[in-house]
Amino acid sequence: MKVTYVSSEGDETVIDLKGGVTIQEGAIQNLVDGIDADCGGGMSCATCHVFVDSKWVDRVGPPTALESDMLSAIPGSNETSRLSCQISMSSDLDGLVVHMPEEQYGY
């Protein structure tokens, strides 16, 4: 299943991920620049912030209340913002496109 990571400069990196792997894990395992993941996927730092492409927002679904709280404190977050450690790959998300912010802001 494919995920396309788009850098803030517009460069695309396409990665094949297995089901159950988070978008954050896929980025770290494949050395994709733009996702820092300082907490290793524990949803405690917000340095894996991404913008879900507008075509995919409904399929990915909304963030949890805790994730929303973390996202609300990130400069530049918006209605398509998600923490990539909270999005697990599945066949429904094959072809997913996420955009990285210019800068990651952590807690």
PDB file of N, CA and C in Angstrom:
ATOM      1  N   MET A   1       0.845  -1.172   0.000  1.00  0.00           N
ATOM      2  CA  MET A   1       0.000   0.000   0.000  1.00  0.00           C
ATOM      3  C   MET A   1       0.889   1.233   0.000  1.00  0.00           C
ATOM      4  N   LYS A   2       0.542   2.181  -0.814  1.00  0.00           N
ATOM      5  CA  LYS A   2       1.406   3.344  -1.014  1.00  0.00           C
ATOM      6  C   LYS A   2       0.942   4.565  -0.225  1.00  0.00           C
ATOM      7  N   VAL A   3       1.952   5.317   0.249  1.00  0.00           N
ATOM      8  CA  VAL A   3       1.747   6.620   0.877  1.00  0.00           C
ATOM      9  C   VAL A   3       2.697   7.587   0.190  1.00  0.00           C
ATOM     10  N   THR A   4       2.200   8.771  -0.132  1.00  0.00           N
ATOM     11  CA  THR A   4       3.046   9.812  -0.707  1.00  0.00           C
ATOM     12  C   THR A   4       3.244  10.895   0.337  1.00  0.00           C
ATOM     13  N   TYR A   5       4.501  11.144   0.665  1.00  0.00           N
ATOM     14  CA  TYR A   5       4.891  12.207   1.593  1.00  0.00           C
ATOM     15  C   TYR A   5       5.353  13.383   0.742  1.00  0.00           C
ATOM     16  N   VAL A   6       4.739  14.542   0.937  1.00  0.00           N
ATOM     17  CA  VAL A   6       5.087  15.727   0.157  1.00  0.00           C
ATOM     18  C   VAL A   6       5.772  16.719   1.099  1.00  0.00           C
ATOM     19  N   SER A   7       7.008  17.073   0.761  1.00  0.00           N
ATOM     20  CA  SER A   7       7.756  18.012   1.602  1.00  0.00           C
ATOM     21  C   SER A   7       7.156  19.408   1.472  1.00  0.00           C
ATOM     22  N   SER A   8       7.567  20.302   2.360  1.00  0.00           N
ATOM     23  CA  SER A   8       7.072  21.682   2.291  1.00  0.00           C
ATOM     24  C   SER A   8       7.529  22.382   1.015  1.00  0.00           C
ATOM     25  N   GLU A   9       8.566  21.835   0.360  1.00  0.00           N
ATOM     26  CA  GLU A   9       9.051  22.388  -0.910  1.00  0.00           C
ATOM     27  C   GLU A   9       8.346  21.747  -2.115  1.00  0.00           C
ATOM     28  N   GLY A  10       7.500  20.745  -1.872  1.00  0.00           N
ATOM     29  CA  GLY A  10       6.767  20.091  -2.952  1.00  0.00           C
ATOM     30  C   GLY A  10       7.385  18.810  -3.462  1.00  0.00           C
ATOM     31  N   ASP A  11       8.520  18.381  -2.890  1.00  0.00           N
ATOM     32  CA  ASP A  11       9.143  17.119  -3.305  1.00  0.00           C
ATOM     33  C   ASP A  11       8.322  15.949  -2.772  1.00  0.00           C
ATOM     34  N   GLU A  12       8.124  14.940  -3.599  1.00  0.00           N
ATOM     35  CA  GLU A  12       7.330  13.774  -3.219  1.00  0.00           C
ATOM     36  C   GLU A  12       8.202  12.551  -3.010  1.00  0.00           C
ATOM     37  N   THR A  13       7.876  11.805  -1.954  1.00  0.00           N
ATOM     38  CA  THR A  13       8.505  10.520  -1.679  1.00  0.00           C
ATOM     39  C   THR A  13       7.379   9.509  -1.535  1.00  0.00           C
ATOM     40  N   VAL A  14       7.389   8.476  -2.360  1.00  0.00           N
ATOM     41  CA  VAL A  14       6.359   7.441  -2.310  1.00  0.00           C
ATOM     42  C   VAL A  14       6.951   6.209  -1.647  1.00  0.00           C
ATOM     43  N   ILE A  15       6.251   5.708  -0.642  1.00  0.00           N
ATOM     44  CA  ILE A  15       6.718   4.565   0.142  1.00  0.00           C
ATOM     45  C   ILE A  15       5.628   3.492   0.144  1.00  0.00           C
ATOM     46  N   ASP A  16       6.032   2.238   0.079  1.00  0.00           N
ATOM     47  CA  ASP A  16       5.117   1.116   0.276  1.00  0.00           C
ATOM     48  C   ASP A  16       5.120   0.753   1.749  1.00  0.00           C
ATOM     49  N   LEU A  17       3.937   0.705   2.359  1.00  0.00           N
ATOM     50  CA  LEU A  17       3.817   0.343   3.770  1.00  0.00           C
ATOM     51  C   LEU A  17       2.904  -0.858   3.924  1.00  0.00           C
ATOM     52  N   LYS A  18       3.175  -1.658   4.933  1.00  0.00           N
ATOM     53  CA  LYS A  18       2.312  -2.777   5.285  1.00  0.00           C
ATOM     54  C   LYS A  18       1.174  -2.271   6.168  1.00  0.00           C
ATOM     55  N   GLY A  19       0.094  -3.010   6.183  1.00  0.00           N
ATOM     56  CA  GLY A  19      -1.038  -2.674   7.045  1.00  0.00           C
ATOM     57  C   GLY A  19      -0.618  -2.628   8.506  1.00  0.00           C
ATOM     58  N   GLY A  20      -1.166  -1.663   9.234  1.00  0.00           N
ATOM     59  CA  GLY A  20      -0.877  -1.527  10.659  1.00  0.00           C
ATOM     60  C   GLY A  20       0.304  -0.632  10.971  1.00  0.00           C
ATOM     61  N   VAL A  21       1.155  -0.356   9.989  1.00  0.00           N
ATOM     62  CA  VAL A  21       2.295   0.543  10.191  1.00  0.00           C
ATOM     63  C   VAL A  21       1.762   1.970  10.163  1.00  0.00           C
ATOM     64  N   THR A  22       2.198   2.792  11.124  1.00  0.00           N
ATOM     65  CA  THR A  22       1.733   4.176  11.115  1.00  0.00           C
ATOM     66  C   THR A  22       2.466   4.979  10.054  1.00  0.00           C
ATOM     67  N   ILE A  23       1.860   6.062   9.660  1.00  0.00           N
ATOM     68  CA  ILE A  23       2.469   6.952   8.674  1.00  0.00           C
ATOM     69  C   ILE A  23       3.789   7.496   9.224  1.00  0.00           C
ATOM     70  N   GLN A  24       3.834   7.748  10.516  1.00  0.00           N
ATOM     71  CA  GLN A  24       5.069   8.214  11.167  1.00  0.00           C
ATOM     72  C   GLN A  24       6.154   7.137  11.123  1.00  0.00           C
ATOM     73  N   GLU A  25       5.815   5.891  11.442  1.00  0.00           N
ATOM     74  CA  GLU A  25       6.796   4.801  11.399  1.00  0.00           C
ATOM     75  C   GLU A  25       7.348   4.621   9.990  1.00  0.00           C
ATOM     76  N   GLY A  26       6.457   4.709   8.995  1.00  0.00           N
ATOM     77  CA  GLY A  26       6.899   4.571   7.612  1.00  0.00           C
ATOM     78  C   GLY A  26       7.890   5.647   7.226  1.00  0.00           C
ATOM     79  N   ALA A  27       7.650   6.872   7.687  1.00  0.00           N
ATOM     80  CA  ALA A  27       8.566   7.974   7.384  1.00  0.00           C
ATOM     81  C   ALA A  27       9.917   7.754   8.046  1.00  0.00           C
ATOM     82  N   ILE A  28       9.925   7.357   9.310  1.00  0.00           N
ATOM     83  CA  ILE A  28      11.177   7.155  10.042  1.00  0.00           C
ATOM     84  C   ILE A  28      11.960   5.976   9.455  1.00  0.00           C
ATOM     85  N   GLN A  29      11.284   4.872   9.199  1.00  0.00           N
ATOM     86  CA  GLN A  29      11.954   3.682   8.656  1.00  0.00           C
ATOM     87  C   GLN A  29      12.538   3.915   7.269  1.00  0.00           C
ATOM     88  N   ASN A  30      11.971   4.865   6.538  1.00  0.00           N
ATOM     89  CA  ASN A  30      12.417   5.123   5.167  1.00  0.00           C
ATOM     90  C   ASN A  30      13.134   6.460   5.012  1.00  0.00           C
ATOM     91  N   LEU A  31      13.539   7.038   6.148  1.00  0.00           N
ATOM     92  CA  LEU A  31      14.343   8.268   6.174  1.00  0.00           C
ATOM     93  C   LEU A  31      13.708   9.424   5.397  1.00  0.00           C
ATOM     94  N   VAL A  32      12.399   9.590   5.557  1.00  0.00           N
ATOM     95  CA  VAL A  32      11.686  10.701   4.932  1.00  0.00           C
ATOM     96  C   VAL A  32      11.915  11.949   5.772  1.00  0.00           C
ATOM     97  N   ASP A  33      12.476  12.978   5.162  1.00  0.00           N
ATOM     98  CA  ASP A  33      12.693  14.239   5.870  1.00  0.00           C
ATOM     99  C   ASP A  33      11.371  14.933   6.151  1.00  0.00           C
ATOM    100  N   GLY A  34      11.305  15.612   7.303  1.00  0.00           N
ATOM    101  CA  GLY A  34      10.143  16.432   7.617  1.00  0.00           C
ATOM    102  C   GLY A  34       9.288  15.893   8.734  1.00  0.00           C
ATOM    103  N   ILE A  35       9.517  14.658   9.148  1.00  0.00           N
ATOM    104  CA  ILE A  35       8.819  14.092  10.299  1.00  0.00           C
ATOM    105  C   ILE A  35       9.885  13.729  11.317  1.00  0.00           C
ATOM    106  N   ASP A  36       9.904  14.483  12.429  1.00  0.00           N
ATOM    107  CA  ASP A  36      10.943  14.286  13.442  1.00  0.00           C
ATOM    108  C   ASP A  36      10.630  13.144  14.394  1.00  0.00           C
ATOM    109  N   ALA A  37       9.391  13.045  14.862  1.00  0.00           N
ATOM    110  CA  ALA A  37       8.949  11.964  15.747  1.00  0.00           C
ATOM    111  C   ALA A  37       9.834  11.826  16.983  1.00  0.00           C
ATOM    112  N   ASP A  38      10.049  12.921  17.672  1.00  0.00           N
ATOM    113  CA  ASP A  38      10.923  12.921  18.850  1.00  0.00           C
ATOM    114  C   ASP A  38      10.494  11.943  19.939  1.00  0.00           C
ATOM    115  N   CYS A  39       9.189  11.706  20.082  1.00  0.00           N
ATOM    116  CA  CYS A  39       8.729  10.808  21.147  1.00  0.00           C
ATOM    117  C   CYS A  39       8.586   9.372  20.676  1.00  0.00           C
ATOM    118  N   GLY A  40       8.885   9.111  19.414  1.00  0.00           N
ATOM    119  CA  GLY A  40       8.834   7.744  18.905  1.00  0.00           C
ATOM    120  C   GLY A  40       7.435   7.210  18.677  1.00  0.00           C
ATOM    121  N   GLY A  41       6.466   8.080  18.565  1.00  0.00           N
ATOM    122  CA  GLY A  41       5.101   7.634  18.282  1.00  0.00           C
ATOM    123  C   GLY A  41       4.209   7.560  19.493  1.00  0.00           C
ATOM    124  N   GLY A  42       4.614   8.161  20.601  1.00  0.00           N
ATOM    125  CA  GLY A  42       3.830   8.112  21.831  1.00  0.00           C
ATOM    126  C   GLY A  42       2.787   9.202  21.970  1.00  0.00           C
ATOM    127  N   MET A  43       2.590   9.993  20.927  1.00  0.00           N
ATOM    128  CA  MET A  43       1.648  11.111  20.915  1.00  0.00           C
ATOM    129  C   MET A  43       1.880  12.058  22.092  1.00  0.00           C
ATOM    130  N   SER A  44       3.162  12.339  22.349  1.00  0.00           N
ATOM    131  CA  SER A  44       3.469  13.258  23.445  1.00  0.00           C
ATOM    132  C   SER A  44       4.354  14.416  23.019  1.00  0.00           C
ATOM    133  N   CYS A  45       4.648  14.533  21.715  1.00  0.00           N
ATOM    134  CA  CYS A  45       5.534  15.630  21.313  1.00  0.00           C
ATOM    135  C   CYS A  45       5.009  16.437  20.130  1.00  0.00           C
ATOM    136  N   ALA A  46       4.188  15.872  19.298  1.00  0.00           N
ATOM    137  CA  ALA A  46       3.595  16.524  18.122  1.00  0.00           C
ATOM    138  C   ALA A  46       4.604  16.844  17.020  1.00  0.00           C
ATOM    139  N   THR A  47       5.778  16.216  17.029  1.00  0.00           N
ATOM    140  CA  THR A  47       6.767  16.487  15.984  1.00  0.00           C
ATOM    141  C   THR A  47       6.607  15.570  14.773  1.00  0.00           C
ATOM    142  N   CYS A  48       5.444  14.951  14.650  1.00  0.00           N
ATOM    143  CA  CYS A  48       5.132  14.160  13.457  1.00  0.00           C
ATOM    144  C   CYS A  48       3.896  14.731  12.766  1.00  0.00           C
ATOM    145  N   HIS A  49       3.668  16.012  12.974  1.00  0.00           N
ATOM    146  CA  HIS A  49       2.528  16.717  12.395  1.00  0.00           C
ATOM    147  C   HIS A  49       2.562  16.645  10.872  1.00  0.00           C
ATOM    148  N   VAL A  50       1.428  16.331  10.283  1.00  0.00           N
ATOM    149  CA  VAL A  50       1.265  16.361   8.833  1.00  0.00           C
ATOM    150  C   VAL A  50      -0.082  16.997   8.507  1.00  0.00           C
ATOM    151  N   PHE A  51      -0.205  17.426   7.261  1.00  0.00           N
ATOM    152  CA  PHE A  51      -1.479  17.862   6.719  1.00  0.00           C
ATOM    153  C   PHE A  51      -1.961  16.754   5.787  1.00  0.00           C
ATOM    154  N   VAL A  52      -3.115  16.187   6.080  1.00  0.00           N
ATOM    155  CA  VAL A  52      -3.679  15.151   5.214  1.00  0.00           C
ATOM    156  C   VAL A  52      -4.231  15.843   3.974  1.00  0.00           C
ATOM    157  N   ASP A  53      -3.883  15.332   2.804  1.00  0.00           N
ATOM    158  CA  ASP A  53      -4.388  15.902   1.560  1.00  0.00           C
ATOM    159  C   ASP A  53      -5.917  15.947   1.624  1.00  0.00           C
ATOM    160  N   SER A  54      -6.482  17.031   1.130  1.00  0.00           N
ATOM    161  CA  SER A  54      -7.929  17.255   1.254  1.00  0.00           C
ATOM    162  C   SER A  54      -8.760  16.108   0.670  1.00  0.00           C
ATOM    163  N   LYS A  55      -8.250  15.418  -0.328  1.00  0.00           N
ATOM    164  CA  LYS A  55      -8.973  14.291  -0.925  1.00  0.00           C
ATOM    165  C   LYS A  55      -9.051  13.090   0.011  1.00  0.00           C
ATOM    166  N   TRP A  56      -8.229  13.078   1.057  1.00  0.00           N
ATOM    167  CA  TRP A  56      -8.132  11.928   1.949  1.00  0.00           C
ATOM    168  C   TRP A  56      -8.679  12.183   3.349  1.00  0.00           C
ATOM    169  N   VAL A  57      -9.051  13.393   3.661  1.00  0.00           N
ATOM    170  CA  VAL A  57      -9.452  13.747   5.028  1.00  0.00           C
ATOM    171  C   VAL A  57     -10.591  12.864   5.540  1.00  0.00           C
ATOM    172  N   ASP A  58     -11.619  12.663   4.733  1.00  0.00           N
ATOM    173  CA  ASP A  58     -12.758  11.859   5.186  1.00  0.00           C
ATOM    174  C   ASP A  58     -12.371  10.403   5.427  1.00  0.00           C
ATOM    175  N   ARG A  59     -11.526   9.841   4.570  1.00  0.00           N
ATOM    176  CA  ARG A  59     -11.103   8.443   4.746  1.00  0.00           C
ATOM    177  C   ARG A  59     -10.231   8.267   5.986  1.00  0.00           C
ATOM    178  N   VAL A  60      -9.352   9.228   6.239  1.00  0.00           N
ATOM    179  CA  VAL A  60      -8.469   9.130   7.400  1.00  0.00           C
ATOM    180  C   VAL A  60      -9.272   9.292   8.684  1.00  0.00           C
ATOM    181  N   GLY A  61     -10.256  10.159   8.657  1.00  0.00           N
ATOM    182  CA  GLY A  61     -11.097  10.381   9.822  1.00  0.00           C
ATOM    183  C   GLY A  61     -10.541  11.462  10.730  1.00  0.00           C
ATOM    184  N   PRO A  62     -11.331  11.849  11.717  1.00  0.00           N
ATOM    185  CA  PRO A  62     -10.934  12.938  12.605  1.00  0.00           C
ATOM    186  C   PRO A  62      -9.963  12.472  13.688  1.00  0.00           C
ATOM    187  N   PRO A  63      -9.229  13.418  14.248  1.00  0.00           N
ATOM    188  CA  PRO A  63      -8.351  13.084  15.370  1.00  0.00           C
ATOM    189  C   PRO A  63      -9.162  12.821  16.642  1.00  0.00           C
ATOM    190  N   THR A  64      -8.552  12.109  17.554  1.00  0.00           N
ATOM    191  CA  THR A  64      -9.180  11.908  18.867  1.00  0.00           C
ATOM    192  C   THR A  64      -9.146  13.226  19.637  1.00  0.00           C
ATOM    193  N   ALA A  65      -9.813  13.277  20.758  1.00  0.00           N
ATOM    194  CA  ALA A  65      -9.832  14.494  21.580  1.00  0.00           C
ATOM    195  C   ALA A  65      -8.422  14.862  22.047  1.00  0.00           C
ATOM    196  N   LEU A  66      -7.646  13.882  22.485  1.00  0.00           N
ATOM    197  CA  LEU A  66      -6.279  14.154  22.942  1.00  0.00           C
ATOM    198  C   LEU A  66      -5.411  14.655  21.791  1.00  0.00           C
ATOM    199  N   GLU A  67      -5.533  14.015  20.641  1.00  0.00           N
ATOM    200  CA  GLU A  67      -4.768  14.461  19.480  1.00  0.00           C
ATOM    201  C   GLU A  67      -5.180  15.884  19.086  1.00  0.00           C
ATOM    202  N   SER A  68      -6.462  16.181  19.111  1.00  0.00           N
ATOM    203  CA  SER A  68      -6.945  17.531  18.798  1.00  0.00           C
ATOM    204  C   SER A  68      -6.362  18.567  19.735  1.00  0.00           C
ATOM    205  N   ASP A  69      -6.283  18.229  21.017  1.00  0.00           N
ATOM    206  CA  ASP A  69      -5.689  19.151  21.996  1.00  0.00           C
ATOM    207  C   ASP A  69      -4.238  19.446  21.644  1.00  0.00           C
ATOM    208  N   MET A  70      -3.493  18.408  21.287  1.00  0.00           N
ATOM    209  CA  MET A  70      -2.085  18.601  20.932  1.00  0.00           C
ATOM    210  C   MET A  70      -1.968  19.429  19.650  1.00  0.00           C
ATOM    211  N   LEU A  71      -2.791  19.134  18.668  1.00  0.00           N
ATOM    212  CA  LEU A  71      -2.733  19.848  17.403  1.00  0.00           C
ATOM    213  C   LEU A  71      -3.094  21.327  17.565  1.00  0.00           C
ATOM    214  N   SER A  72      -3.993  21.626  18.483  1.00  0.00           N
ATOM    215  CA  SER A  72      -4.428  23.016  18.660  1.00  0.00           C
ATOM    216  C   SER A  72      -3.304  23.918  19.153  1.00  0.00           C
ATOM    217  N   ALA A  73      -2.268  23.349  19.732  1.00  0.00           N
ATOM    218  CA  ALA A  73      -1.143  24.144  20.244  1.00  0.00           C
ATOM    219  C   ALA A  73      -0.016  24.305  19.226  1.00  0.00           C
ATOM    220  N   ILE A  74      -0.162  23.687  18.056  1.00  0.00           N
ATOM    221  CA  ILE A  74       0.887  23.746  17.041  1.00  0.00           C
ATOM    222  C   ILE A  74       0.646  24.948  16.130  1.00  0.00           C
ATOM    223  N   PRO A  75       1.629  25.826  15.990  1.00  0.00           N
ATOM    224  CA  PRO A  75       1.481  26.942  15.044  1.00  0.00           C
ATOM    225  C   PRO A  75       1.241  26.415  13.623  1.00  0.00           C
ATOM    226  N   GLY A  76       0.256  26.969  12.956  1.00  0.00           N
ATOM    227  CA  GLY A  76      -0.007  26.600  11.576  1.00  0.00           C
ATOM    228  C   GLY A  76      -0.885  25.381  11.381  1.00  0.00           C
ATOM    229  N   SER A  77      -1.351  24.768  12.467  1.00  0.00           N
ATOM    230  CA  SER A  77      -2.222  23.602  12.282  1.00  0.00           C
ATOM    231  C   SER A  77      -3.576  24.068  11.741  1.00  0.00           C
ATOM    232  N   ASN A  78      -4.260  23.157  11.064  1.00  0.00           N
ATOM    233  CA  ASN A  78      -5.573  23.495  10.516  1.00  0.00           C
ATOM    234  C   ASN A  78      -6.470  22.266  10.529  1.00  0.00           C
ATOM    235  N   GLU A  79      -7.598  22.341   9.837  1.00  0.00           N
ATOM    236  CA  GLU A  79      -8.587  21.257   9.881  1.00  0.00           C
ATOM    237  C   GLU A  79      -8.098  19.969   9.224  1.00  0.00           C
ATOM    238  N   THR A  80      -7.016  20.019   8.452  1.00  0.00           N
ATOM    239  CA  THR A  80      -6.476  18.789   7.851  1.00  0.00           C
ATOM    240  C   THR A  80      -5.267  18.259   8.623  1.00  0.00           C
ATOM    241  N   SER A  81      -4.920  18.894   9.721  1.00  0.00           N
ATOM    242  CA  SER A  81      -3.760  18.480  10.516  1.00  0.00           C
ATOM    243  C   SER A  81      -4.036  17.179  11.255  1.00  0.00           C
ATOM    244  N   ARG A  82      -3.012  16.330  11.288  1.00  0.00           N
ATOM    245  CA  ARG A  82      -3.047  15.096  12.074  1.00  0.00           C
ATOM    246  C   ARG A  82      -1.639  14.815  12.551  1.00  0.00           C
ATOM    247  N   LEU A  83      -1.540  14.013  13.594  1.00  0.00           N
ATOM    248  CA  LEU A  83      -0.255  13.480  14.031  1.00  0.00           C
ATOM    249  C   LEU A  83      -0.084  12.163  13.287  1.00  0.00           C
ATOM    250  N   SER A  84       0.997  12.046  12.531  1.00  0.00           N
ATOM    251  CA  SER A  84       1.167  10.864  11.683  1.00  0.00           C
ATOM    252  C   SER A  84       1.348   9.579  12.489  1.00  0.00           C
ATOM    253  N   CYS A  85       1.681   9.702  13.771  1.00  0.00           N
ATOM    254  CA  CYS A  85       1.781   8.503  14.622  1.00  0.00           C
ATOM    255  C   CYS A  85       0.409   7.933  14.942  1.00  0.00           C
ATOM    256  N   GLN A  86      -0.646   8.659  14.638  1.00  0.00           N
ATOM    257  CA  GLN A  86      -2.007   8.219  14.943  1.00  0.00           C
ATOM    258  C   GLN A  86      -2.769   7.735  13.714  1.00  0.00           C
ATOM    259  N   ILE A  87      -2.094   7.669  12.572  1.00  0.00           N
ATOM    260  CA  ILE A  87      -2.729   7.177  11.346  1.00  0.00           C
ATOM    261  C   ILE A  87      -2.060   5.862  10.972  1.00  0.00           C
ATOM    262  N   SER A  88      -2.806   4.773  11.081  1.00  0.00           N
ATOM    263  CA  SER A  88      -2.280   3.454  10.724  1.00  0.00           C
ATOM    264  C   SER A  88      -2.696   3.100   9.312  1.00  0.00           C
ATOM    265  N   MET A  89      -1.748   2.549   8.576  1.00  0.00           N
ATOM    266  CA  MET A  89      -1.992   2.179   7.190  1.00  0.00           C
ATOM    267  C   MET A  89      -2.986   1.033   7.119  1.00  0.00           C
ATOM    268  N   SER A  90      -3.884   1.137   6.158  1.00  0.00           N
ATOM    269  CA  SER A  90      -4.846   0.071   5.874  1.00  0.00           C
ATOM    270  C   SER A  90      -5.153   0.114   4.381  1.00  0.00           C
ATOM    271  N   SER A  91      -5.825  -0.897   3.886  1.00  0.00           N
ATOM    272  CA  SER A  91      -6.141  -0.927   2.452  1.00  0.00           C
ATOM    273  C   SER A  91      -7.020   0.254   2.059  1.00  0.00           C
ATOM    274  N   ASP A  92      -7.834   0.759   2.980  1.00  0.00           N
ATOM    275  CA  ASP A  92      -8.664   1.939   2.702  1.00  0.00           C
ATOM    276  C   ASP A  92      -7.826   3.188   2.451  1.00  0.00           C
ATOM    277  N   LEU A  93      -6.583   3.191   2.929  1.00  0.00           N
ATOM    278  CA  LEU A  93      -5.717   4.362   2.787  1.00  0.00           C
ATOM    279  C   LEU A  93      -4.651   4.190   1.712  1.00  0.00           C
ATOM    280  N   ASP A  94      -4.748   3.116   0.923  1.00  0.00           N
ATOM    281  CA  ASP A  94      -3.777   2.906  -0.154  1.00  0.00           C
ATOM    282  C   ASP A  94      -3.818   4.094  -1.108  1.00  0.00           C
ATOM    283  N   GLY A  95      -2.674   4.773  -1.265  1.00  0.00           N
ATOM    284  CA  GLY A  95      -2.589   5.962  -2.104  1.00  0.00           C
ATOM    285  C   GLY A  95      -2.626   7.263  -1.320  1.00  0.00           C
ATOM    286  N   LEU A  96      -2.711   7.174   0.000  1.00  0.00           N
ATOM    287  CA  LEU A  96      -2.781   8.353   0.870  1.00  0.00           C
ATOM    288  C   LEU A  96      -1.676   9.351   0.557  1.00  0.00           C
ATOM    289  N   VAL A  97      -2.019  10.633   0.622  1.00  0.00           N
ATOM    290  CA  VAL A  97      -1.053  11.714   0.425  1.00  0.00           C
ATOM    291  C   VAL A  97      -1.068  12.589   1.669  1.00  0.00           C
ATOM    292  N   VAL A  98       0.123  12.802   2.243  1.00  0.00           N
ATOM    293  CA  VAL A  98       0.271  13.706   3.381  1.00  0.00           C
ATOM    294  C   VAL A  98       1.326  14.749   3.049  1.00  0.00           C
ATOM    295  N   HIS A  99       1.125  15.953   3.558  1.00  0.00           N
ATOM    296  CA  HIS A  99       2.032  17.073   3.332  1.00  0.00           C
ATOM    297  C   HIS A  99       2.695  17.434   4.656  1.00  0.00           C
ATOM    298  N   MET A 100       3.988  17.655   4.614  1.00  0.00           N
ATOM    299  CA  MET A 100       4.719  18.025   5.819  1.00  0.00           C
ATOM    300  C   MET A 100       4.747  19.552   5.964  1.00  0.00           C
ATOM    301  N   PRO A 101       4.689  20.029   7.195  1.00  0.00           N
ATOM    302  CA  PRO A 101       4.791  21.473   7.419  1.00  0.00           C
ATOM    303  C   PRO A 101       6.222  21.950   7.190  1.00  0.00           C
ATOM    304  N   GLU A 102       6.384  23.252   7.076  1.00  0.00           N
ATOM    305  CA  GLU A 102       7.718  23.823   6.907  1.00  0.00           C
ATOM    306  C   GLU A 102       8.621  23.505   8.088  1.00  0.00           C
ATOM    307  N   GLU A 103       8.024  23.470   9.271  1.00  0.00           N
ATOM    308  CA  GLU A 103       8.786  23.240  10.494  1.00  0.00           C
ATOM    309  C   GLU A 103       7.939  22.424  11.467  1.00  0.00           C
ATOM    310  N   GLN A 104       8.571  21.545  12.210  1.00  0.00           N
ATOM    311  CA  GLN A 104       7.882  20.788  13.253  1.00  0.00           C
ATOM    312  C   GLN A 104       8.038  21.516  14.584  1.00  0.00           C
ATOM    313  N   TYR A 105       6.944  21.616  15.314  1.00  0.00           N
ATOM    314  CA  TYR A 105       6.955  22.241  16.632  1.00  0.00           C
ATOM    315  C   TYR A 105       6.595  21.190  17.660  1.00  0.00           C
ATOM    316  N   GLY A 106       7.446  20.968  18.634  1.00  0.00           N
ATOM    317  CA  GLY A 106       7.177  19.971  19.651  1.00  0.00           C
ATOM    318  C   GLY A 106       6.858  20.584  20.987  1.00  0.00           C
ATOM    319  N   TYR A 107       6.455  19.746  21.894  1.00  0.00           N
ATOM    320  CA  TYR A 107       6.144  20.162  23.265  1.00  0.00           C
ATOM    321  C   TYR A 107       7.338  19.937  24.157  1.00  0.00           C
TER     322      TYR A 107
END
